[in-house]
């Protein structure tokens, strides 16, 4: 190990040691696998969410890492009815109809409510690693200066719906990658320790891969970034709503919502989420000059997308 990887290991070990939970949300991605490795001596329980009706990528990798570190894995399979119920509840909690955020947030809603029903009040997650160490795929095509600027911007606006969901359930999400010392360490790293190349392919979170390469299986260490919606299979909701909502109904409802609420609905999936949202919410239109052209919601400083409806980019 070099100086930076030793420092990374030490800070993250300390951050994980501070966690109180006996449960880890395990996707089989790099971040949660690192946490499973660091926590393995305490023998925590691990949990993975998979939708029965859709093919997800997490199951195989979660099983690989659970076996590798010798931990028990609880596989939670949810059917379509449970997914649709979870959509409703997630939208109530988050108070938006942002399709990407809802699609991703269904997963933490399900594992948090499952744990709540078991009498568990906290869980350890890999939230924050992408924001702190440059894990997002869109960063891979940018120059070093652009990456630095983007990461500074992201750190100013980063927000984790899992924490909002946990608070609504009187639970806690523990996030070692968002430890203050971890963020400070990241700020001092050069870009080459966040994004670098291996065998002609670029990877984010380089320092994490470098630090834990000898401790994790190769197909975990060098697993490419995959959104939560892909891992669980909830990305297939887009196709589902495209199938069950006819073009005629979509056109009619889209026009009515635009006329009555002043909200532009882009997709059939967004239509379903908006209808769920409107059962208990209304879109608060902003008088600010910096507002979303699709729903008139105020756009936060440094943000390039609308938290309310998910429009991206905001031009």
Protein backbone atom coordinates (compact mmCIF):
# COMPACT_ATOMS: atom_id res chain seq x y z
CA UNK A 1 0.00 0.00 0.00
CA UNK A 2 1.12 3.55 -0.72
CA UNK A 3 0.59 6.49 1.63
CA UNK A 4 -2.75 7.48 0.13
CA UNK A 5 -4.26 3.99 0.17
CA UNK A 6 -3.10 3.47 3.77
CA UNK A 7 -4.72 6.74 4.75
CA UNK A 8 -7.91 5.83 2.89
CA UNK A 9 -8.06 2.46 4.64
CA UNK A 10 -7.47 3.97 8.07
CA UNK A 11 -10.08 6.73 7.73
CA UNK A 12 -12.72 4.37 6.36
CA UNK A 13 -12.01 1.75 9.02
CA UNK A 14 -12.55 4.41 11.69
CA UNK A 15 -15.75 5.62 10.00
CA UNK A 16 -17.16 2.07 9.83
CA UNK A 17 -16.13 1.41 13.43
CA UNK A 18 -18.32 4.33 14.52
CA UNK A 19 -21.41 2.74 12.97
CA UNK A 20 -23.85 1.11 15.38
CA UNK A 21 -26.07 -0.88 13.03
CA UNK A 22 -25.92 -4.65 12.63
CA UNK A 23 -27.30 -4.44 9.08
CA UNK A 24 -25.76 -3.48 5.72
CA UNK A 25 -27.71 -2.70 2.55
CA UNK A 26 -25.66 -4.86 0.18
CA UNK A 27 -25.95 -4.33 -3.57
CA UNK A 28 -22.75 -6.13 -4.51
CA UNK A 29 -21.36 -2.88 -5.88
CA UNK A 30 -17.95 -1.60 -4.85
CA UNK A 31 -19.16 0.68 -2.06
CA UNK A 32 -21.36 -1.70 -0.08
CA UNK A 33 -18.86 -4.53 -0.67
CA UNK A 34 -16.12 -2.44 0.96
CA UNK A 35 -18.38 -1.87 3.96
CA UNK A 36 -19.15 -5.60 4.20
CA UNK A 37 -15.43 -6.36 4.15
CA UNK A 38 -14.61 -3.80 6.83
CA UNK A 39 -17.50 -4.90 9.05
CA UNK A 40 -17.20 -8.65 8.56
CA UNK A 41 -15.63 -9.39 11.96
CA UNK A 42 -18.77 -8.03 13.64
CA UNK A 43 -20.87 -10.47 11.55
CA UNK A 44 -23.57 -8.01 10.43
CA UNK A 45 -26.66 -9.11 8.54
CA UNK A 46 -26.85 -8.06 4.89
CA UNK A 47 -29.85 -7.42 2.68
CA UNK A 48 -30.42 -7.18 -1.08
CA UNK A 49 -33.63 -6.10 -2.83
CA UNK A 50 -34.68 -7.73 -6.10
CA UNK A 51 -37.94 -7.31 -8.03
CA UNK A 52 -39.46 -10.68 -8.96
CA UNK A 53 -40.90 -9.50 -12.26
CA UNK A 54 -37.80 -7.72 -13.55
CA UNK A 55 -34.25 -8.87 -14.08
CA UNK A 56 -31.75 -6.98 -11.90
CA UNK A 57 -27.96 -7.18 -11.78
CA UNK A 58 -27.38 -6.99 -8.02
CA UNK A 59 -28.27 -10.54 -6.97
CA UNK A 60 -25.24 -12.34 -8.39
CA UNK A 61 -22.74 -9.77 -7.13
CA UNK A 62 -24.33 -9.56 -3.68
CA UNK A 63 -24.13 -13.34 -3.37
CA UNK A 64 -20.48 -13.27 -4.47
CA UNK A 65 -19.40 -10.72 -1.88
CA UNK A 66 -21.53 -12.21 0.92
CA UNK A 67 -19.87 -15.57 0.37
CA UNK A 68 -16.43 -13.98 0.04
CA UNK A 69 -16.62 -12.20 3.40
CA UNK A 70 -18.65 -14.95 5.11
CA UNK A 71 -21.80 -12.99 5.89
CA UNK A 72 -25.45 -14.02 5.88
CA UNK A 73 -27.44 -12.50 2.99
CA UNK A 74 -31.18 -11.87 3.21
CA UNK A 75 -32.70 -11.71 -0.25
CA UNK A 76 -35.89 -9.64 -0.33
CA UNK A 77 -37.91 -10.36 -3.46
CA UNK A 78 -40.81 -8.01 -4.10
CA UNK A 79 -43.65 -8.52 -6.55
CA UNK A 80 -45.24 -5.92 -8.81
CA UNK A 81 -48.03 -5.06 -6.37
CA UNK A 82 -45.47 -4.37 -3.66
CA UNK A 83 -43.42 -2.24 -6.04
CA UNK A 84 -46.46 -0.13 -6.99
CA UNK A 85 -47.41 0.30 -3.32
CA UNK A 86 -43.82 1.33 -2.59
CA UNK A 87 -43.98 3.93 -5.36
CA UNK A 88 -47.00 5.55 -3.70
CA UNK A 89 -45.39 5.63 -0.27
CA UNK A 90 -42.02 6.83 -1.58
CA UNK A 91 -43.68 9.71 -3.42
CA UNK A 92 -45.61 10.68 -0.27
CA UNK A 93 -42.38 10.83 1.72
CA UNK A 94 -40.20 12.62 -0.83
CA UNK A 95 -42.90 14.97 -2.09
CA UNK A 96 -41.87 14.92 -5.74
CA UNK A 97 -42.53 13.02 -8.97
CA UNK A 98 -38.95 12.96 -10.24
CA UNK A 99 -38.86 9.68 -12.19
CA UNK A 100 -35.17 8.89 -11.65
CA UNK A 101 -35.27 9.72 -7.95
CA UNK A 102 -38.45 7.72 -7.38
CA UNK A 103 -37.15 4.74 -9.34
CA UNK A 104 -33.96 4.70 -7.26
CA UNK A 105 -35.67 5.49 -3.95
CA UNK A 106 -38.10 2.57 -4.09
CA UNK A 107 -35.17 0.32 -3.15
CA UNK A 108 -34.22 2.06 0.13
CA UNK A 109 -37.92 2.42 0.97
CA UNK A 110 -38.35 -1.35 0.68
CA UNK A 111 -35.25 -2.33 2.66
CA UNK A 112 -35.93 0.30 5.34
CA UNK A 113 -39.57 -0.75 5.82
CA UNK A 114 -38.52 -4.41 5.82
CA UNK A 115 -36.00 -3.72 8.57
CA UNK A 116 -38.50 -1.58 10.46
CA UNK A 117 -40.90 -4.53 10.51
CA UNK A 118 -38.08 -6.65 11.98
CA UNK A 119 -37.63 -4.13 14.80
CA UNK A 120 -34.37 -2.79 13.35
CA UNK A 121 -33.84 0.98 13.55
CA UNK A 122 -30.68 1.56 11.50
CA UNK A 123 -28.72 0.32 8.50
CA UNK A 124 -25.29 1.01 7.00
CA UNK A 125 -25.22 2.07 3.34
CA UNK A 126 -22.70 3.04 0.69
CA UNK A 127 -24.37 6.39 0.06
CA UNK A 128 -21.94 9.18 -0.74
CA UNK A 129 -19.04 7.28 -2.30
CA UNK A 130 -19.99 8.37 -5.82
CA UNK A 131 -20.30 12.00 -4.80
CA UNK A 132 -17.12 12.08 -2.71
CA UNK A 133 -14.84 10.01 -4.96
CA UNK A 134 -16.15 10.69 -8.46
CA UNK A 135 -18.12 7.53 -9.16
CA UNK A 136 -20.58 8.85 -11.71
CA UNK A 137 -20.16 7.75 -15.30
CA UNK A 138 -20.77 11.22 -16.75
CA UNK A 139 -17.50 12.36 -15.16
CA UNK A 140 -15.41 9.89 -17.15
CA UNK A 141 -15.46 11.98 -20.34
CA UNK A 142 -14.50 15.25 -18.67
CA UNK A 143 -11.11 16.92 -18.31
CA UNK A 144 -9.35 17.05 -14.95
CA UNK A 145 -10.36 20.67 -14.38
CA UNK A 146 -13.97 19.90 -15.29
CA UNK A 147 -13.98 16.94 -12.91
CA UNK A 148 -12.68 19.09 -10.06
CA UNK A 149 -15.35 21.71 -10.70
CA UNK A 150 -18.11 19.11 -10.99
CA UNK A 151 -17.16 17.37 -7.74
CA UNK A 152 -17.09 20.70 -5.88
CA UNK A 153 -20.55 21.47 -7.25
CA UNK A 154 -21.89 18.01 -6.42
CA UNK A 155 -20.64 18.16 -2.84
CA UNK A 156 -22.51 21.43 -2.34
CA UNK A 157 -25.84 20.02 -3.48
CA UNK A 158 -25.62 16.29 -2.67
CA UNK A 159 -28.77 14.95 -1.12
CA UNK A 160 -29.74 11.40 -0.20
CA UNK A 161 -33.44 10.42 -0.33
CA UNK A 162 -32.64 7.32 1.75
CA UNK A 163 -32.05 9.62 4.72
CA UNK A 164 -35.42 11.35 4.19
CA UNK A 165 -37.15 7.98 4.02
CA UNK A 166 -35.35 6.76 7.15
CA UNK A 167 -36.35 9.88 9.09
CA UNK A 168 -39.99 9.39 8.11
CA UNK A 169 -39.79 5.89 9.62
CA UNK A 170 -37.89 7.00 12.76
CA UNK A 171 -34.85 5.14 11.51
CA UNK A 172 -31.24 6.04 10.75
CA UNK A 173 -29.10 5.49 7.68
CA UNK A 174 -25.40 5.35 8.60
CA UNK A 175 -23.08 6.56 5.81
CA UNK A 176 -19.35 5.99 6.43
CA UNK A 177 -18.38 7.49 3.05
CA UNK A 178 -19.85 10.81 4.20
CA UNK A 179 -17.71 10.87 7.32
CA UNK A 180 -16.18 14.33 7.77
CA UNK A 181 -12.61 12.98 7.68
CA UNK A 182 -13.44 10.98 4.56
CA UNK A 183 -14.69 14.07 2.73
CA UNK A 184 -11.66 16.10 3.83
CA UNK A 185 -9.36 13.32 2.60
CA UNK A 186 -11.15 13.29 -0.74
CA UNK A 187 -10.80 17.06 -1.11
CA UNK A 188 -7.03 16.74 -0.86
CA UNK A 189 -6.70 13.95 -3.45
CA UNK A 190 -5.62 14.68 -7.04
CA UNK A 191 -8.09 13.85 -9.82
CA UNK A 192 -5.94 10.88 -10.83
CA UNK A 193 -6.86 9.22 -7.53
CA UNK A 194 -10.55 9.61 -8.28
CA UNK A 195 -10.70 8.83 -11.99
CA UNK A 196 -8.07 6.80 -13.81
CA UNK A 197 -7.66 4.09 -16.44
CA UNK A 198 -7.09 0.35 -16.28
CA UNK A 199 -6.46 -1.63 -19.46
CA UNK A 200 -7.80 1.22 -21.58
CA UNK A 201 -11.04 1.68 -19.60
CA UNK A 202 -11.75 4.59 -17.26
CA UNK A 203 -13.05 4.04 -13.74
CA UNK A 204 -14.26 6.39 -11.05
CA UNK A 205 -13.57 5.93 -7.31
CA UNK A 206 -10.02 4.94 -8.21
CA UNK A 207 -8.61 5.30 -4.69
CA UNK A 208 -11.26 2.92 -3.32
CA UNK A 209 -10.57 0.33 -6.00
CA UNK A 210 -6.83 0.68 -5.44
CA UNK A 211 -7.14 0.43 -1.66
CA UNK A 212 -9.36 -2.67 -1.58
CA UNK A 213 -8.15 -4.49 -4.69
CA UNK A 214 -6.38 -7.19 -2.70
CA UNK A 215 -9.31 -7.75 -0.34
CA UNK A 216 -12.25 -8.07 -2.74
CA UNK A 217 -12.93 -10.32 -5.76
CA UNK A 218 -11.75 -8.78 -9.02
CA UNK A 219 -15.26 -8.70 -10.49
CA UNK A 220 -16.36 -6.59 -7.50
CA UNK A 221 -13.36 -4.27 -7.37
CA UNK A 222 -13.59 -3.47 -11.07
CA UNK A 223 -17.36 -3.66 -11.42
CA UNK A 224 -18.56 -0.70 -13.47
CA UNK A 225 -20.86 1.87 -11.90
CA UNK A 226 -24.48 0.72 -12.09
CA UNK A 227 -27.44 2.82 -10.91
CA UNK A 228 -29.53 1.39 -8.07
CA UNK A 229 -32.48 1.12 -10.45
CA UNK A 230 -30.48 -1.23 -12.71
CA UNK A 231 -29.28 -3.41 -9.86
CA UNK A 232 -32.72 -3.99 -8.39
CA UNK A 233 -34.55 -4.09 -11.72
CA UNK A 234 -36.74 -1.04 -11.09
CA UNK A 235 -35.38 0.57 -14.27
CA UNK A 236 -37.84 -1.72 -16.07
CA UNK A 237 -40.71 0.37 -14.71
CA UNK A 238 -40.26 2.68 -17.68
CA UNK A 239 -41.18 -0.11 -20.08
CA UNK A 240 -44.03 -1.27 -17.84
CA UNK A 241 -45.77 2.11 -17.86
CA UNK A 242 -45.16 2.48 -21.58
CA UNK A 243 -47.08 -0.77 -22.00
CA UNK A 244 -50.00 -0.27 -19.63
CA UNK A 245 -50.74 3.40 -20.42
CA UNK A 246 -52.09 3.81 -23.94
CA UNK A 247 -50.95 6.64 -26.19
CA UNK A 248 -54.48 8.03 -26.27
CA UNK A 249 -54.82 8.17 -22.47
CA UNK A 250 -51.34 9.65 -22.14
CA UNK A 251 -52.08 12.40 -24.66
CA UNK A 252 -55.39 13.27 -23.01
CA UNK A 253 -54.07 13.35 -19.47
CA UNK A 254 -50.90 15.18 -20.45
CA UNK A 255 -52.94 17.97 -22.08
CA UNK A 256 -55.31 18.22 -19.09
CA UNK A 257 -52.46 18.45 -16.56
CA UNK A 258 -50.72 21.13 -18.60
CA UNK A 259 -53.92 23.15 -18.84
CA UNK A 260 -55.05 22.79 -15.22
CA UNK A 261 -51.76 22.57 -13.31
CA UNK A 262 -49.28 24.17 -15.70
CA UNK A 263 -47.09 21.06 -15.52
CA UNK A 264 -45.59 19.45 -18.61
CA UNK A 265 -45.49 15.65 -18.37
CA UNK A 266 -42.70 14.13 -20.45
CA UNK A 267 -43.27 10.37 -20.19
CA UNK A 268 -45.90 7.79 -19.28
CA UNK A 269 -43.87 6.81 -16.23
CA UNK A 270 -43.83 10.45 -15.11
CA UNK A 271 -47.60 10.56 -15.60
CA UNK A 272 -48.11 7.70 -13.16
CA UNK A 273 -45.79 9.30 -10.59
CA UNK A 274 -47.49 12.68 -11.02
CA UNK A 275 -50.93 11.19 -10.42
CA UNK A 276 -49.61 9.54 -7.24
CA UNK A 277 -48.05 12.84 -6.21
CA UNK A 278 -51.24 14.83 -6.76
CA UNK A 279 -53.21 12.65 -4.37
CA UNK A 280 -51.54 14.42 -1.46
CA UNK A 281 -49.48 17.27 -2.94
CA UNK A 282 -49.53 20.20 -5.29
CA UNK A 283 -46.65 21.73 -7.21
CA UNK A 284 -45.59 24.98 -5.57
CA UNK A 285 -44.88 27.35 -8.41
CA UNK A 286 -41.93 29.64 -7.90
CA UNK A 287 -41.66 33.33 -8.74
CA UNK A 288 -37.91 32.94 -9.01
CA UNK A 289 -36.16 33.53 -12.33
CA UNK A 290 -34.40 30.22 -11.76
CA UNK A 291 -37.28 27.78 -12.11
CA UNK A 292 -38.02 24.63 -14.04
CA UNK A 293 -39.62 25.26 -17.45
CA UNK A 294 -41.65 22.05 -17.14
CA UNK A 295 -43.16 22.40 -13.64
CA UNK A 296 -42.16 25.92 -12.46
CA UNK A 297 -40.49 24.51 -9.35
CA UNK A 298 -37.56 26.56 -8.04
CA UNK A 299 -34.16 25.18 -9.04
CA UNK A 300 -31.52 25.09 -6.33
CA UNK A 301 -28.25 26.97 -6.66
CA UNK A 302 -25.62 24.90 -8.52
CA UNK A 303 -28.25 22.33 -9.57
CA UNK A 304 -28.64 21.30 -13.21
CA UNK A 305 -31.83 19.30 -12.83
CA UNK A 306 -35.25 19.77 -11.29
CA UNK A 307 -35.72 17.97 -7.98
CA UNK A 308 -39.50 18.09 -8.42
CA UNK A 309 -40.06 16.64 -11.91
CA UNK A 310 -36.59 15.41 -12.84
CA UNK A 311 -36.09 17.56 -15.94
CA UNK A 312 -32.46 17.50 -17.06
CA UNK A 313 -30.65 19.53 -18.10
CA UNK A 314 -32.17 22.81 -17.00
CA UNK A 315 -31.30 25.29 -19.73
